[in-house]
Amino acid sequence: MTLGIAIKVRYLAVLKGLSDAPEKKVDLKGKTLADLMARLNRSESDKLKSRLFANGVIRPDVITFINDVESSLIGGMRAELKEGDEVTFLPSVHGG
């Protein structure tokens, strides 16, 4: 039986205002970034999901960091998460 892990999730820029909590602890039964994304796609508000995801996949203009390292450098969606990790989402396109 998997007990799961606790991950800290942070939303920055426009995502911060679309979330009910810009920083939160998420209990995750899986262990990869893909598992976390699936969990967020099920649990976040529609307004946040519409900016974070396109067709169930994270939008290409949203940069994802795991413990301040861009996720594509450490395995992308296959990157393994562990208890206490921090995952941050930052949209790269901003209004001016």
Protein backbone atom coordinates (compact mmCIF):
# COMPACT_ATOMS: atom_id res chain seq x y z
CA MET A 1 0.00 0.00 0.00
CA THR A 2 1.44 3.36 -1.04
CA LEU A 3 1.01 6.06 1.55
CA GLY A 4 2.01 8.86 -0.80
CA ILE A 5 4.18 11.92 -0.46
CA ALA A 6 3.56 15.57 0.29
CA ILE A 7 4.65 18.03 -2.40
CA LYS A 8 4.61 21.82 -2.15
CA VAL A 9 3.05 23.44 -5.23
CA ARG A 10 3.57 27.13 -6.05
CA TYR A 11 1.83 29.14 -8.75
CA LEU A 12 3.45 32.36 -9.95
CA ALA A 13 2.42 35.33 -12.11
CA VAL A 14 -1.09 35.06 -13.59
CA LEU A 15 -1.50 31.51 -12.23
CA LYS A 16 -1.23 32.90 -8.70
CA GLY A 17 -4.45 34.86 -9.15
CA LEU A 18 -6.28 31.93 -10.73
CA SER A 19 -5.58 29.55 -7.85
CA ASP A 20 -7.54 29.34 -4.63
CA ALA A 21 -4.14 29.12 -2.89
CA PRO A 22 -0.93 30.21 -4.68
CA GLU A 23 1.08 27.92 -2.40
CA LYS A 24 -0.28 24.61 -1.18
CA LYS A 25 0.67 21.16 -0.02
CA VAL A 26 -0.53 18.39 -2.30
CA ASP A 27 -0.68 14.78 -1.16
CA LEU A 28 0.45 12.63 -4.06
CA LYS A 29 0.07 8.87 -4.38
CA GLY A 30 2.41 8.71 -7.39
CA LYS A 31 6.03 9.70 -7.61
CA THR A 32 6.56 11.56 -10.90
CA LEU A 33 5.83 15.00 -12.25
CA ALA A 34 3.29 13.35 -14.59
CA ASP A 35 1.48 11.93 -11.54
CA LEU A 36 1.37 15.39 -9.98
CA MET A 37 0.06 16.95 -13.19
CA ALA A 38 -2.71 14.35 -13.41
CA ARG A 39 -3.65 15.09 -9.79
CA LEU A 40 -3.74 18.86 -10.43
CA ASN A 41 -5.77 18.35 -13.61
CA ARG A 42 -8.40 16.56 -11.51
CA SER A 43 -8.40 18.85 -8.48
CA GLU A 44 -7.77 22.47 -9.50
CA SER A 45 -10.41 25.03 -10.46
CA ASP A 46 -11.56 25.27 -14.06
CA LYS A 47 -10.13 28.78 -14.44
CA LEU A 48 -6.66 27.65 -13.32
CA LYS A 49 -6.79 24.48 -15.40
CA SER A 50 -7.75 26.47 -18.51
CA ARG A 51 -4.51 28.49 -18.21
CA LEU A 52 -2.27 25.66 -17.01
CA PHE A 53 -3.39 22.86 -19.35
CA ALA A 54 -4.35 22.44 -23.00
CA ASN A 55 -6.09 19.15 -23.84
CA GLY A 56 -4.97 17.70 -20.50
CA VAL A 57 -1.28 18.49 -21.10
CA ILE A 58 0.63 21.34 -19.50
CA ARG A 59 0.81 24.31 -21.86
CA PRO A 60 4.18 24.80 -23.57
CA ASP A 61 4.45 28.39 -22.27
CA VAL A 62 4.35 27.27 -18.62
CA ILE A 63 7.79 26.60 -17.18
CA THR A 64 7.85 23.96 -14.48
CA PHE A 65 10.54 23.92 -11.81
CA ILE A 66 11.30 21.15 -9.33
CA ASN A 67 13.27 22.53 -6.39
CA ASP A 68 14.26 25.55 -8.55
CA VAL A 69 15.54 23.39 -11.44
CA GLU A 70 13.70 23.50 -14.77
CA SER A 71 11.98 20.12 -15.02
CA SER A 72 13.15 19.29 -18.57
CA LEU A 73 16.72 19.18 -17.25
CA ILE A 74 15.88 16.39 -14.80
CA GLY A 75 13.56 14.12 -16.75
CA GLY A 76 10.57 16.26 -17.68
CA MET A 77 7.28 14.53 -16.92
CA ARG A 78 9.21 11.43 -15.81
CA ALA A 79 11.14 13.41 -13.16
CA GLU A 80 10.79 11.68 -9.81
CA LEU A 81 9.39 13.60 -6.88
CA LYS A 82 10.10 12.92 -3.24
CA GLU A 83 8.63 14.00 0.08
CA GLY A 84 8.98 17.75 0.59
CA ASP A 85 9.87 18.66 -3.01
CA GLU A 86 8.65 22.01 -4.30
CA VAL A 87 7.11 22.27 -7.78
CA THR A 88 6.68 25.78 -9.17
CA PHE A 89 4.71 26.81 -12.26
CA LEU A 90 5.61 30.02 -14.09
CA PRO A 91 3.92 31.14 -17.31
CA SER A 92 6.57 32.53 -19.65
CA VAL A 93 4.22 34.86 -21.52
CA HIS A 94 3.21 38.02 -19.66
CA GLY A 95 1.20 41.07 -20.60
CA GLY A 96 2.87 44.44 -20.66
